[in-house]
PDB file of all heavy atoms in Angstrom:
ATOM      1  N   ALA A   1      19.563   0.388  13.888  1.00  0.00           N
ATOM      2  CA  ALA A   1      19.464   0.446  15.350  1.00  0.00           C
ATOM      3  C   ALA A   1      19.914   1.808  15.865  1.00  0.00           C
ATOM      4  O   ALA A   1      19.321   2.362  16.799  1.00  0.00           O
ATOM      5  CB  ALA A   1      20.289  -0.666  15.974  1.00  0.00           C
ATOM      6  N   SER A   2      20.947   2.367  15.232  1.00  0.00           N
ATOM      7  CA  SER A   2      21.447   3.676  15.661  1.00  0.00           C
ATOM      8  C   SER A   2      20.476   4.802  15.312  1.00  0.00           C
ATOM      9  O   SER A   2      20.588   5.913  15.825  1.00  0.00           O
ATOM     10  CB  SER A   2      22.803   3.960  15.008  1.00  0.00           C
ATOM     11  OG  SER A   2      22.659   4.165  13.610  1.00  0.00           O
ATOM     12  N   MET A   3      19.518   4.496  14.426  1.00  0.00           N
ATOM     13  CA  MET A   3      18.541   5.501  14.008  1.00  0.00           C
ATOM     14  C   MET A   3      17.235   5.387  14.786  1.00  0.00           C
ATOM     15  O   MET A   3      16.307   6.167  14.563  1.00  0.00           O
ATOM     16  CB  MET A   3      18.254   5.345  12.510  1.00  0.00           C
ATOM     17  CG  MET A   3      19.476   5.462  11.626  1.00  0.00           C
ATOM     18  SD  MET A   3      19.084   5.193   9.882  1.00  0.00           S
ATOM     19  CE  MET A   3      18.058   6.626   9.555  1.00  0.00           C
ATOM     20  N   GLY A   4      17.152   4.379  15.669  1.00  0.00           N
ATOM     21  CA  GLY A   4      15.939   4.211  16.438  1.00  0.00           C
ATOM     22  C   GLY A   4      14.893   3.345  15.760  1.00  0.00           C
ATOM     23  O   GLY A   4      13.759   3.258  16.220  1.00  0.00           O
ATOM     24  N   ILE A   5      15.264   2.701  14.647  1.00  0.00           N
ATOM     25  CA  ILE A   5      14.348   1.812  13.923  1.00  0.00           C
ATOM     26  C   ILE A   5      14.558   0.393  14.428  1.00  0.00           C
ATOM     27  O   ILE A   5      15.698  -0.060  14.562  1.00  0.00           O
ATOM     28  CB  ILE A   5      14.609   1.896  12.407  1.00  0.00           C
ATOM     29  CG1 ILE A   5      14.289   3.310  11.897  1.00  0.00           C
ATOM     30  CG2 ILE A   5      13.779   0.862  11.644  1.00  0.00           C
ATOM     31  CD1 ILE A   5      14.673   3.544  10.454  1.00  0.00           C
ATOM     32  N   PRO A   6      13.496  -0.346  14.728  1.00  0.00           N
ATOM     33  CA  PRO A   6      13.669  -1.692  15.272  1.00  0.00           C
ATOM     34  C   PRO A   6      14.342  -2.632  14.282  1.00  0.00           C
ATOM     35  O   PRO A   6      14.188  -2.489  13.071  1.00  0.00           O
ATOM     36  CB  PRO A   6      12.246  -2.144  15.576  1.00  0.00           C
ATOM     37  CG  PRO A   6      11.386  -1.313  14.680  1.00  0.00           C
ATOM     38  CD  PRO A   6      12.081   0.017  14.594  1.00  0.00           C
ATOM     39  N   THR A   7      15.086  -3.592  14.816  1.00  0.00           N
ATOM     40  CA  THR A   7      15.702  -4.626  13.986  1.00  0.00           C
ATOM     41  C   THR A   7      14.644  -5.660  13.600  1.00  0.00           C
ATOM     42  O   THR A   7      13.526  -5.659  14.113  1.00  0.00           O
ATOM     43  CB  THR A   7      16.831  -5.324  14.749  1.00  0.00           C
ATOM     44  OG1 THR A   7      16.250  -5.992  15.900  1.00  0.00           O
ATOM     45  CG2 THR A   7      17.881  -4.326  15.219  1.00  0.00           C
ATOM     46  N   VAL A   8      15.019  -6.554  12.667  1.00  0.00           N
ATOM     47  CA  VAL A   8      14.133  -7.657  12.291  1.00  0.00           C
ATOM     48  C   VAL A   8      13.700  -8.432  13.531  1.00  0.00           C
ATOM     49  O   VAL A   8      12.518  -8.759  13.707  1.00  0.00           O
ATOM     50  CB  VAL A   8      14.831  -8.609  11.291  1.00  0.00           C
ATOM     51  CG1 VAL A   8      14.062  -9.914  11.164  1.00  0.00           C
ATOM     52  CG2 VAL A   8      14.975  -7.952   9.935  1.00  0.00           C
ATOM     53  N   GLU A   9      14.661  -8.728  14.394  1.00  0.00           N
ATOM     54  CA  GLU A   9      14.371  -9.520  15.583  1.00  0.00           C
ATOM     55  C   GLU A   9      13.414  -8.784  16.522  1.00  0.00           C
ATOM     56  O   GLU A   9      12.467  -9.384  17.050  1.00  0.00           O
ATOM     57  CB  GLU A   9      15.674  -9.859  16.311  1.00  0.00           C
ATOM     58  CG  GLU A   9      16.613 -10.786  15.553  1.00  0.00           C
ATOM     59  CD  GLU A   9      17.376 -10.092  14.426  1.00  0.00           C
ATOM     60  OE1 GLU A   9      17.424  -8.830  14.419  1.00  0.00           O
ATOM     61  OE2 GLU A   9      17.900 -10.798  13.543  1.00  0.00           O
ATOM     62  N   GLU A  10      13.634  -7.503  16.718  1.00  0.00           N
ATOM     63  CA  GLU A  10      12.772  -6.726  17.615  1.00  0.00           C
ATOM     64  C   GLU A  10      11.357  -6.596  17.051  1.00  0.00           C
ATOM     65  O   GLU A  10      10.368  -6.724  17.778  1.00  0.00           O
ATOM     66  CB  GLU A  10      13.382  -5.340  17.833  1.00  0.00           C
ATOM     67  CG  GLU A  10      14.663  -5.360  18.661  1.00  0.00           C
ATOM     68  CD  GLU A  10      15.404  -4.040  18.628  1.00  0.00           C
ATOM     69  OE1 GLU A  10      15.197  -3.245  17.673  1.00  0.00           O
ATOM     70  OE2 GLU A  10      16.209  -3.794  19.549  1.00  0.00           O
ATOM     71  N   TYR A  11      11.269  -6.335  15.754  1.00  0.00           N
ATOM     72  CA  TYR A  11       9.956  -6.166  15.125  1.00  0.00           C
ATOM     73  C   TYR A  11       9.181  -7.484  15.143  1.00  0.00           C
ATOM     74  O   TYR A  11       7.978  -7.508  15.394  1.00  0.00           O
ATOM     75  CB  TYR A  11      10.132  -5.661  13.697  1.00  0.00           C
ATOM     76  CG  TYR A  11       8.895  -4.985  13.132  1.00  0.00           C
ATOM     77  CD1 TYR A  11       8.526  -3.711  13.547  1.00  0.00           C
ATOM     78  CD2 TYR A  11       8.110  -5.622  12.177  1.00  0.00           C
ATOM     79  CE1 TYR A  11       7.406  -3.083  13.033  1.00  0.00           C
ATOM     80  CE2 TYR A  11       6.975  -5.009  11.655  1.00  0.00           C
ATOM     81  CZ  TYR A  11       6.637  -3.740  12.085  1.00  0.00           C
ATOM     82  OH  TYR A  11       5.513  -3.116  11.573  1.00  0.00           O
ATOM     83  N   THR A  12       9.896  -8.579  14.887  1.00  0.00           N
ATOM     84  CA  THR A  12       9.260  -9.899  14.895  1.00  0.00           C
ATOM     85  C   THR A  12       8.799 -10.271  16.299  1.00  0.00           C
ATOM     86  O   THR A  12       7.696 -10.804  16.494  1.00  0.00           O
ATOM     87  CB  THR A  12      10.234 -10.957  14.357  1.00  0.00           C
ATOM     88  OG1 THR A  12      10.609 -10.620  13.021  1.00  0.00           O
ATOM     89  CG2 THR A  12       9.592 -12.340  14.360  1.00  0.00           C
ATOM     90  N   GLU A  13       9.638  -9.999  17.308  1.00  0.00           N
ATOM     91  CA  GLU A  13       9.272 -10.314  18.693  1.00  0.00           C
ATOM     92  C   GLU A  13       8.020  -9.558  19.106  1.00  0.00           C
ATOM     93  O   GLU A  13       7.138 -10.118  19.767  1.00  0.00           O
ATOM     94  CB  GLU A  13      10.433  -9.961  19.625  1.00  0.00           C
ATOM     95  CG  GLU A  13      10.236 -10.428  21.062  1.00  0.00           C
ATOM     96  CD  GLU A  13       9.328  -9.528  21.895  1.00  0.00           C
ATOM     97  OE1 GLU A  13       9.327  -8.297  21.637  1.00  0.00           O
ATOM     98  OE2 GLU A  13       8.620 -10.042  22.784  1.00  0.00           O
ATOM     99  N   ALA A  14       7.907  -8.291  18.703  1.00  0.00           N
ATOM    100  CA  ALA A  14       6.736  -7.492  19.069  1.00  0.00           C
ATOM    101  C   ALA A  14       5.468  -8.063  18.429  1.00  0.00           C
ATOM    102  O   ALA A  14       4.415  -8.153  19.073  1.00  0.00           O
ATOM    103  CB  ALA A  14       6.931  -6.042  18.646  1.00  0.00           C
ATOM    104  N   TYR A  15       5.565  -8.477  17.170  1.00  0.00           N
ATOM    105  CA  TYR A  15       4.405  -9.056  16.496  1.00  0.00           C
ATOM    106  C   TYR A  15       4.027 -10.400  17.129  1.00  0.00           C
ATOM    107  O   TYR A  15       2.839 -10.673  17.351  1.00  0.00           O
ATOM    108  CB  TYR A  15       4.698  -9.236  15.008  1.00  0.00           C
ATOM    109  CG  TYR A  15       3.574  -9.922  14.252  1.00  0.00           C
ATOM    110  CD1 TYR A  15       2.456  -9.204  13.843  1.00  0.00           C
ATOM    111  CD2 TYR A  15       3.632 -11.286  13.968  1.00  0.00           C
ATOM    112  CE1 TYR A  15       1.415  -9.833  13.167  1.00  0.00           C
ATOM    113  CE2 TYR A  15       2.598 -11.919  13.290  1.00  0.00           C
ATOM    114  CZ  TYR A  15       1.495 -11.191  12.885  1.00  0.00           C
ATOM    115  OH  TYR A  15       0.472 -11.820  12.225  1.00  0.00           O
ATOM    116  N   CYS A  16       5.015 -11.219  17.423  1.00  0.00           N
ATOM    117  CA  CYS A  16       4.733 -12.516  18.048  1.00  0.00           C
ATOM    118  C   CYS A  16       4.073 -12.333  19.414  1.00  0.00           C
ATOM    119  O   CYS A  16       3.126 -13.059  19.763  1.00  0.00           O
ATOM    120  CB  CYS A  16       6.013 -13.327  18.186  1.00  0.00           C
ATOM    121  SG  CYS A  16       6.651 -13.993  16.624  1.00  0.00           S
ATOM    122  N   ARG A  17       4.548 -11.366  20.172  1.00  0.00           N
ATOM    123  CA  ARG A  17       3.949 -11.101  21.490  1.00  0.00           C
ATOM    124  C   ARG A  17       2.491 -10.690  21.335  1.00  0.00           C
ATOM    125  O   ARG A  17       1.621 -11.154  22.074  1.00  0.00           O
ATOM    126  CB  ARG A  17       4.755 -10.011  22.193  1.00  0.00           C
ATOM    127  CG  ARG A  17       4.133  -9.479  23.481  1.00  0.00           C
ATOM    128  CD  ARG A  17       5.086  -8.569  24.231  1.00  0.00           C
ATOM    129  NE  ARG A  17       5.791  -7.639  23.368  1.00  0.00           N
ATOM    130  CZ  ARG A  17       5.271  -6.496  22.902  1.00  0.00           C
ATOM    131  NH1 ARG A  17       4.021  -6.163  23.224  1.00  0.00           N
ATOM    132  NH2 ARG A  17       5.985  -5.682  22.145  1.00  0.00           N
ATOM    133  N   ARG A  18       2.223  -9.840  20.360  1.00  0.00           N
ATOM    134  CA  ARG A  18       0.855  -9.340  20.170  1.00  0.00           C
ATOM    135  C   ARG A  18      -0.086 -10.397  19.600  1.00  0.00           C
ATOM    136  O   ARG A  18      -1.299 -10.312  19.787  1.00  0.00           O
ATOM    137  CB  ARG A  18       0.886  -8.113  19.260  1.00  0.00           C
ATOM    138  CG  ARG A  18       1.472  -6.880  19.929  1.00  0.00           C
ATOM    139  CD  ARG A  18       1.515  -5.687  19.005  1.00  0.00           C
ATOM    140  NE  ARG A  18       1.780  -4.468  19.766  1.00  0.00           N
ATOM    141  CZ  ARG A  18       2.783  -3.631  19.514  1.00  0.00           C
ATOM    142  NH1 ARG A  18       3.631  -3.879  18.509  1.00  0.00           N
ATOM    143  NH2 ARG A  18       2.954  -2.559  20.263  1.00  0.00           N
ATOM    144  N   THR A  19       0.458 -11.370  18.882  1.00  0.00           N
ATOM    145  CA  THR A  19      -0.390 -12.394  18.259  1.00  0.00           C
ATOM    146  C   THR A  19      -0.240 -13.758  18.933  1.00  0.00           C
ATOM    147  O   THR A  19      -0.710 -14.763  18.403  1.00  0.00           O
ATOM    148  CB  THR A  19      -0.068 -12.514  16.749  1.00  0.00           C
ATOM    149  OG1 THR A  19       1.329 -12.800  16.586  1.00  0.00           O
ATOM    150  CG2 THR A  19      -0.421 -11.232  16.023  1.00  0.00           C
ATOM    151  N   HIS A  20       0.424 -13.764  20.076  1.00  0.00           N
ATOM    152  CA  HIS A  20       0.542 -14.972  20.910  1.00  0.00           C
ATOM    153  C   HIS A  20       1.224 -16.119  20.153  1.00  0.00           C
ATOM    154  O   HIS A  20       0.722 -17.236  20.092  1.00  0.00           O
ATOM    155  CB  HIS A  20      -0.832 -15.396  21.425  1.00  0.00           C
ATOM    156  CG  HIS A  20      -1.602 -14.271  22.061  1.00  0.00           C
ATOM    157  ND1 HIS A  20      -1.230 -13.698  23.261  1.00  0.00           N
ATOM    158  CD2 HIS A  20      -2.708 -13.596  21.648  1.00  0.00           C
ATOM    159  CE1 HIS A  20      -2.077 -12.728  23.564  1.00  0.00           C
ATOM    160  NE2 HIS A  20      -2.971 -12.641  22.605  1.00  0.00           N
ATOM    161  N   ARG A  21       2.401 -15.816  19.604  1.00  0.00           N
ATOM    162  CA  ARG A  21       3.233 -16.824  18.937  1.00  0.00           C
ATOM    163  C   ARG A  21       4.560 -16.930  19.676  1.00  0.00           C
ATOM    164  O   ARG A  21       5.040 -15.951  20.249  1.00  0.00           O
ATOM    165  CB  ARG A  21       3.533 -16.429  17.487  1.00  0.00           C
ATOM    166  CG  ARG A  21       2.313 -16.335  16.590  1.00  0.00           C
ATOM    167  CD  ARG A  21       2.722 -15.858  15.203  1.00  0.00           C
ATOM    168  NE  ARG A  21       1.585 -15.730  14.316  1.00  0.00           N
ATOM    169  CZ  ARG A  21       1.075 -16.712  13.599  1.00  0.00           C
ATOM    170  NH1 ARG A  21       1.627 -17.914  13.669  1.00  0.00           N
ATOM    171  NH2 ARG A  21       0.037 -16.517  12.814  1.00  0.00           N
ATOM    172  N   ASP A  22       5.164 -18.080  19.603  1.00  0.00           N
ATOM    173  CA  ASP A  22       6.492 -18.248  20.182  1.00  0.00           C
ATOM    174  C   ASP A  22       7.564 -17.670  19.258  1.00  0.00           C
ATOM    175  O   ASP A  22       8.519 -17.034  19.716  1.00  0.00           O
ATOM    176  CB  ASP A  22       6.782 -19.726  20.447  1.00  0.00           C
ATOM    177  CG  ASP A  22       5.881 -20.303  21.530  1.00  0.00           C
ATOM    178  OD1 ASP A  22       5.496 -19.532  22.441  1.00  0.00           O
ATOM    179  OD2 ASP A  22       5.553 -21.490  21.448  1.00  0.00           O
ATOM    180  N   SER A  23       7.410 -17.908  17.956  1.00  0.00           N
ATOM    181  CA  SER A  23       8.395 -17.446  16.983  1.00  0.00           C
ATOM    182  C   SER A  23       7.817 -17.635  15.589  1.00  0.00           C
ATOM    183  O   SER A  23       6.716 -18.177  15.430  1.00  0.00           O
ATOM    184  CB  SER A  23       9.707 -18.233  17.111  1.00  0.00           C
ATOM    185  OG  SER A  23       9.473 -19.605  16.808  1.00  0.00           O
ATOM    186  N   ILE A  24       8.579 -17.186  14.587  1.00  0.00           N
ATOM    187  CA  ILE A  24       8.198 -17.406  13.187  1.00  0.00           C
ATOM    188  C   ILE A  24       9.338 -18.167  12.520  1.00  0.00           C
ATOM    189  O   ILE A  24      10.415 -17.612  12.279  1.00  0.00           O
ATOM    190  CB  ILE A  24       7.947 -16.082  12.446  1.00  0.00           C
ATOM    191  CG1 ILE A  24       6.812 -15.313  13.132  1.00  0.00           C
ATOM    192  CG2 ILE A  24       7.585 -16.352  10.977  1.00  0.00           C
ATOM    193  CD1 ILE A  24       6.535 -13.961  12.530  1.00  0.00           C
TER     194      ILE A  24
END
């Protein structure tokens, strides 16, 4: 996070938003 790389949660949320999922 301090390096500007997304966390697991952030990366997963972005994919779910783009693929119309609530969660994995």
